[in-house]
N, C-alpha and C. Protein backbone atom coordinates (compact mmCIF):
# COMPACT_ATOMS: atom_id res chain seq x y z
N MET A 1 135.64 40.86 81.76
CA MET A 1 135.26 41.56 80.67
C MET A 1 136.17 42.85 80.20
N ILE A 2 136.67 43.31 81.26
CA ILE A 2 137.56 44.64 81.18
C ILE A 2 138.98 44.13 80.39
N LYS A 3 139.46 43.13 81.12
CA LYS A 3 140.56 42.55 80.37
C LYS A 3 140.41 42.11 78.95
N ASN A 4 139.35 41.61 78.63
CA ASN A 4 138.98 41.20 77.27
C ASN A 4 138.97 42.53 76.37
N ASN A 5 138.29 43.52 76.78
CA ASN A 5 138.43 44.81 76.27
C ASN A 5 139.65 45.46 76.00
N LEU A 6 140.40 45.31 77.05
CA LEU A 6 141.90 45.82 77.02
C LEU A 6 142.84 45.20 75.93
N ASP A 7 142.58 43.68 75.93
CA ASP A 7 143.14 43.03 74.85
C ASP A 7 142.71 43.44 73.37
N ILE A 8 141.25 43.63 73.26
CA ILE A 8 140.75 44.03 72.02
C ILE A 8 141.55 45.40 71.64
N TYR A 9 141.62 46.13 72.58
CA TYR A 9 142.29 47.69 72.31
C TYR A 9 143.69 47.52 71.86
N ASN A 10 144.38 46.68 72.82
CA ASN A 10 145.75 46.47 72.47
C ASN A 10 146.09 45.85 70.87
N GLN A 11 145.21 44.90 70.65
CA GLN A 11 145.35 44.43 69.39
C GLN A 11 144.94 45.27 68.15
N TYR A 12 144.16 46.33 68.47
CA TYR A 12 143.82 47.23 67.61
C TYR A 12 144.88 48.34 67.52
N LEU A 13 145.51 48.62 68.70
CA LEU A 13 146.69 49.66 68.52
C LEU A 13 147.92 48.88 67.76
N ALA A 14 148.08 47.64 67.89
CA ALA A 14 149.03 46.79 67.26
C ALA A 14 148.89 46.77 65.71
N ASN A 15 147.68 46.47 65.28
CA ASN A 15 147.25 46.50 64.00
C ASN A 15 147.38 47.96 63.25
N LYS A 16 147.02 48.96 64.06
CA LYS A 16 147.14 50.29 63.45
C LYS A 16 148.87 50.67 63.47
N LEU A 17 149.60 50.21 64.31
CA LEU A 17 151.05 50.50 64.08
C LEU A 17 151.61 49.76 62.86
N ASP A 18 151.21 48.51 62.82
CA ASP A 18 151.64 47.73 61.69
C ASP A 18 150.97 48.31 60.25
N SER A 19 149.82 48.87 60.00
CA SER A 19 149.42 49.50 58.91
C SER A 19 150.37 50.91 58.87
N ASN A 20 150.55 51.60 59.79
CA ASN A 20 151.28 52.75 59.68
C ASN A 20 152.84 52.40 59.10
N LYS A 21 153.19 51.21 59.61
CA LYS A 21 154.59 50.78 59.38
C LYS A 21 154.70 50.62 57.63
N ILE A 22 153.54 49.93 57.37
CA ILE A 22 153.48 49.62 55.80
C ILE A 22 153.14 50.86 55.02
N LYS A 23 152.41 51.77 55.66
CA LYS A 23 151.93 52.86 54.77
C LYS A 23 152.80 54.11 54.66
N HIS A 24 153.98 54.04 55.63
CA HIS A 24 154.94 55.16 55.74
C HIS A 24 156.12 54.54 55.66
N GLY A 25 156.44 53.44 55.09
CA GLY A 25 157.75 52.85 54.77
C GLY A 25 158.41 52.19 55.87
N GLY A 26 157.80 52.04 56.94
CA GLY A 26 158.36 51.28 58.02
C GLY A 26 159.11 51.67 58.97
N LYS A 27 159.44 53.10 58.81
CA LYS A 27 160.51 53.52 59.73
C LYS A 27 159.86 53.74 61.24
N LEU A 28 160.65 53.56 62.22
CA LEU A 28 160.21 53.67 63.47
C LEU A 28 159.87 55.29 63.73
N GLU A 29 160.82 56.18 63.30
CA GLU A 29 160.40 57.65 63.49
C GLU A 29 159.40 58.04 62.76
N ASP A 30 158.90 57.50 61.60
CA ASP A 30 157.67 57.84 61.00
C ASP A 30 156.55 57.49 61.73
N GLN A 31 156.65 56.30 62.42
CA GLN A 31 155.57 55.79 63.33
C GLN A 31 155.33 56.64 64.58
N GLN A 32 156.42 56.97 65.11
CA GLN A 32 156.48 57.96 66.29
C GLN A 32 155.78 59.46 65.96
N LEU A 33 156.06 59.94 64.72
CA LEU A 33 155.80 61.20 64.33
C LEU A 33 154.25 61.06 64.14
N LYS A 34 153.77 59.93 63.53
CA LYS A 34 152.40 59.71 63.14
C LYS A 34 151.63 59.61 64.47
N THR A 35 152.20 58.96 65.47
CA THR A 35 151.50 58.96 66.87
C THR A 35 151.32 60.21 67.32
N GLN A 36 152.41 61.00 67.41
CA GLN A 36 152.27 62.45 67.73
C GLN A 36 151.50 63.42 67.09
N THR A 37 151.41 63.25 65.72
CA THR A 37 150.59 63.90 64.92
C THR A 37 148.94 63.66 65.35
N ASP A 38 149.00 62.38 65.41
CA ASP A 38 147.57 61.85 65.83
C ASP A 38 147.01 62.51 67.26
N ALA A 39 147.93 62.58 68.20
CA ALA A 39 147.92 63.00 69.44
C ALA A 39 147.49 64.66 69.34
N PHE A 40 148.24 65.33 68.34
CA PHE A 40 147.85 66.85 68.20
C PHE A 40 146.60 66.91 67.70
N GLU A 41 146.09 66.10 66.63
CA GLU A 41 144.85 66.24 66.13
C GLU A 41 143.73 65.92 67.34
N SER A 42 144.01 65.06 68.03
CA SER A 42 143.12 64.80 69.23
C SER A 42 142.72 66.01 70.06
N LEU A 43 143.98 66.81 70.29
CA LEU A 43 144.00 67.84 71.25
C LEU A 43 143.10 68.93 70.42
N LEU A 44 143.32 69.24 69.17
CA LEU A 44 142.42 70.09 68.48
C LEU A 44 141.01 69.65 68.45
N LEU A 45 140.84 68.41 68.44
CA LEU A 45 139.42 67.89 68.21
C LEU A 45 138.79 68.26 69.61
N LYS A 46 139.69 68.01 70.68
CA LYS A 46 139.00 68.23 72.00
C LYS A 46 138.53 69.73 72.26
N PHE A 47 139.41 70.64 71.64
CA PHE A 47 138.97 71.79 71.84
C PHE A 47 137.67 72.27 71.02
N MET A 48 137.62 71.67 69.95
CA MET A 48 136.41 71.97 69.04
C MET A 48 135.20 71.31 69.62
N LEU A 49 135.09 70.17 70.35
CA LEU A 49 134.27 69.47 70.93
C LEU A 49 133.84 70.16 72.35
N ASP A 50 134.77 70.77 73.06
CA ASP A 50 134.50 71.57 74.17
C ASP A 50 133.62 72.87 73.83
N THR A 51 133.80 73.36 72.53
CA THR A 51 133.18 74.33 72.16
C THR A 51 131.77 74.18 71.57
N ALA A 52 131.84 73.00 70.71
CA ALA A 52 130.56 72.53 70.05
C ALA A 52 129.44 71.90 71.01
N LEU A 53 130.12 71.01 71.91
CA LEU A 53 129.01 70.23 72.85
C LEU A 53 128.91 70.88 74.13
N LYS A 54 128.19 72.15 74.02
CA LYS A 54 127.86 72.59 75.40
C LYS A 54 126.61 71.82 75.85
N LEU A 55 126.93 70.82 76.89
CA LEU A 55 125.93 70.15 77.34
C LEU A 55 124.94 70.63 78.67
N ASP A 56 125.00 71.89 78.67
CA ASP A 56 124.51 72.45 79.95
C ASP A 56 122.76 72.44 79.54
N ASN A 57 121.92 71.89 80.44
CA ASN A 57 120.59 71.83 80.25
C ASN A 57 119.89 72.59 81.27
N PRO A 58 119.19 73.73 81.16
CA PRO A 58 118.75 74.64 82.12
C PRO A 58 117.51 73.92 82.85
N LEU A 59 116.89 72.97 82.28
CA LEU A 59 115.73 72.18 82.78
C LEU A 59 116.22 71.16 83.99
N TYR A 60 117.49 70.89 83.95
CA TYR A 60 117.96 69.68 84.86
C TYR A 60 119.18 70.52 85.79
N PRO A 61 119.07 70.30 87.13
CA PRO A 61 120.18 70.82 88.02
C PRO A 61 121.45 69.99 87.66
N LYS A 62 122.83 70.66 87.74
CA LYS A 62 123.95 69.87 87.50
C LYS A 62 123.91 69.20 88.72
N GLN A 63 124.45 67.94 88.20
CA GLN A 63 124.57 66.74 89.14
C GLN A 63 126.24 66.89 89.51
N ALA A 64 126.60 66.25 90.77
CA ALA A 64 127.89 66.19 91.28
C ALA A 64 128.63 65.33 90.18
N GLY A 65 129.84 65.87 89.69
CA GLY A 65 130.74 65.13 88.84
C GLY A 65 130.24 65.16 87.34
N SER A 66 129.21 65.85 87.15
CA SER A 66 128.90 65.83 85.69
C SER A 66 129.87 66.57 84.78
N GLU A 67 130.55 67.39 85.16
CA GLU A 67 131.57 68.05 84.32
C GLU A 67 132.67 67.20 84.00
N ILE A 68 132.96 66.44 85.16
CA ILE A 68 134.21 65.35 84.90
C ILE A 68 133.65 64.33 83.87
N TYR A 69 132.46 63.90 83.95
CA TYR A 69 132.02 62.75 83.12
C TYR A 69 131.89 63.32 81.62
N GLN A 70 131.36 64.53 81.53
CA GLN A 70 131.39 65.23 80.21
C GLN A 70 132.79 65.38 79.55
N SER A 71 133.70 65.93 80.43
CA SER A 71 135.08 65.96 79.90
C SER A 71 135.58 64.74 79.57
N MET A 72 135.34 63.50 80.27
CA MET A 72 136.03 62.38 79.98
C MET A 72 135.33 61.78 78.72
N TYR A 73 134.09 62.14 78.47
CA TYR A 73 133.35 61.75 77.24
C TYR A 73 134.00 62.53 75.79
N LYS A 74 133.98 63.61 76.11
CA LYS A 74 134.78 64.49 75.03
C LYS A 74 136.14 64.09 74.75
N ASP A 75 137.00 63.60 75.95
CA ASP A 75 138.23 63.28 75.62
C ASP A 75 138.20 62.04 75.00
N SER A 76 137.59 60.96 75.30
CA SER A 76 137.41 59.68 74.65
C SER A 76 136.94 59.83 73.31
N LEU A 77 135.88 60.79 72.96
CA LEU A 77 135.45 61.04 71.56
C LEU A 77 136.81 61.67 70.61
N SER A 78 137.20 62.38 71.23
CA SER A 78 138.42 62.99 70.41
C SER A 78 139.53 62.06 70.10
N ASN A 79 139.96 61.22 71.16
CA ASN A 79 140.82 60.24 70.91
C ASN A 79 140.33 59.21 69.75
N GLN A 80 139.20 58.90 69.78
CA GLN A 80 138.61 58.05 68.76
C GLN A 80 138.52 58.62 67.41
N LEU A 81 138.18 59.86 67.27
CA LEU A 81 138.12 60.48 65.91
C LEU A 81 139.61 61.02 65.48
N SER A 82 140.63 60.86 66.35
CA SER A 82 141.88 61.47 65.71
C SER A 82 142.37 60.39 64.63
N GLY A 83 143.10 60.97 63.77
CA GLY A 83 143.59 60.34 62.88
C GLY A 83 142.93 60.27 61.63
N HIS A 84 141.39 60.57 61.73
CA HIS A 84 140.50 60.46 60.63
C HIS A 84 139.97 61.68 59.92
N PHE A 85 140.53 62.95 60.38
CA PHE A 85 140.03 64.19 59.99
C PHE A 85 140.95 64.82 59.02
N GLY A 86 142.05 64.34 58.91
CA GLY A 86 143.04 64.83 57.90
C GLY A 86 143.88 65.89 58.30
N TYR A 87 143.83 66.37 59.62
CA TYR A 87 144.89 67.31 60.09
C TYR A 87 146.06 66.56 60.36
N SER A 88 146.07 65.33 61.04
CA SER A 88 147.29 64.58 61.34
C SER A 88 148.05 64.32 60.07
N GLU A 89 147.26 63.77 59.01
CA GLU A 89 147.95 63.52 57.72
C GLU A 89 148.62 64.61 57.03
N LEU A 90 147.94 65.81 57.20
CA LEU A 90 148.58 67.16 56.60
C LEU A 90 149.90 67.57 57.44
N LEU A 91 149.55 67.36 58.68
CA LEU A 91 150.82 67.89 59.64
C LEU A 91 152.01 66.90 59.45
N PHE A 92 151.62 65.57 59.38
CA PHE A 92 152.79 64.36 59.14
C PHE A 92 153.35 64.66 57.84
N ASN A 93 152.70 65.12 56.76
CA ASN A 93 153.38 65.23 55.47
C ASN A 93 154.20 66.53 55.46
N PHE A 94 153.70 67.56 56.08
CA PHE A 94 154.32 68.76 56.09
C PHE A 94 155.71 68.56 56.83
N LEU A 95 155.72 67.97 57.84
CA LEU A 95 156.94 67.71 58.95
C LEU A 95 157.96 66.75 58.15
N LYS A 96 157.43 65.67 57.36
CA LYS A 96 158.25 64.97 56.63
C LYS A 96 158.91 65.99 55.43
N ASP A 97 158.25 66.71 54.77
CA ASP A 97 158.75 67.50 53.79
C ASP A 97 159.91 68.34 54.31
N GLN A 98 159.60 69.06 55.53
CA GLN A 98 160.57 69.80 56.14
C GLN A 98 161.89 69.05 56.61
N GLU A 99 161.69 67.92 57.00
CA GLU A 99 162.68 67.10 57.28
C GLU A 99 163.66 66.71 56.13
N GLU A 100 162.88 66.44 55.02
CA GLU A 100 163.69 66.19 53.78
C GLU A 100 164.40 67.31 53.28
N GLN A 101 163.99 68.33 53.34
CA GLN A 101 164.60 69.66 52.79
C GLN A 101 165.80 69.93 53.77
N LYS A 102 165.51 69.81 55.15
CA LYS A 102 166.64 69.91 55.84
C LYS A 102 167.74 69.14 55.74
N ASN A 103 167.55 67.82 55.19
CA ASN A 103 168.53 66.96 55.04
C ASN A 103 169.24 67.23 53.71
N LYS A 104 168.42 67.84 52.79
CA LYS A 104 169.24 68.03 51.47
C LYS A 104 170.05 69.23 51.63
N GLY A 105 169.84 70.36 52.14
CA GLY A 105 170.41 71.59 52.19
C GLY A 105 171.30 71.59 53.39
């Protein structure tokens, strides 16, 4: 089952790269830049989720490893949400404009 999920995830990533290629003119540099801006957005979302999701419950004692699981949950959630909030797109467009201005001047 894990291998099947891994295959599905790899297919999803391949489709996402193909859509980025069509959407952004097909340049390899654009794909890599988009991947990096998505990763940056994921980092920002992780910081926001760390602040917003304080999962401490005073009624239950802390379990061994609960902080690790909560961190993994927030990390997974931020990775899934990245690329859909607009920060990545905004940063991508800004960096592309900067690159075009640098090439002109």
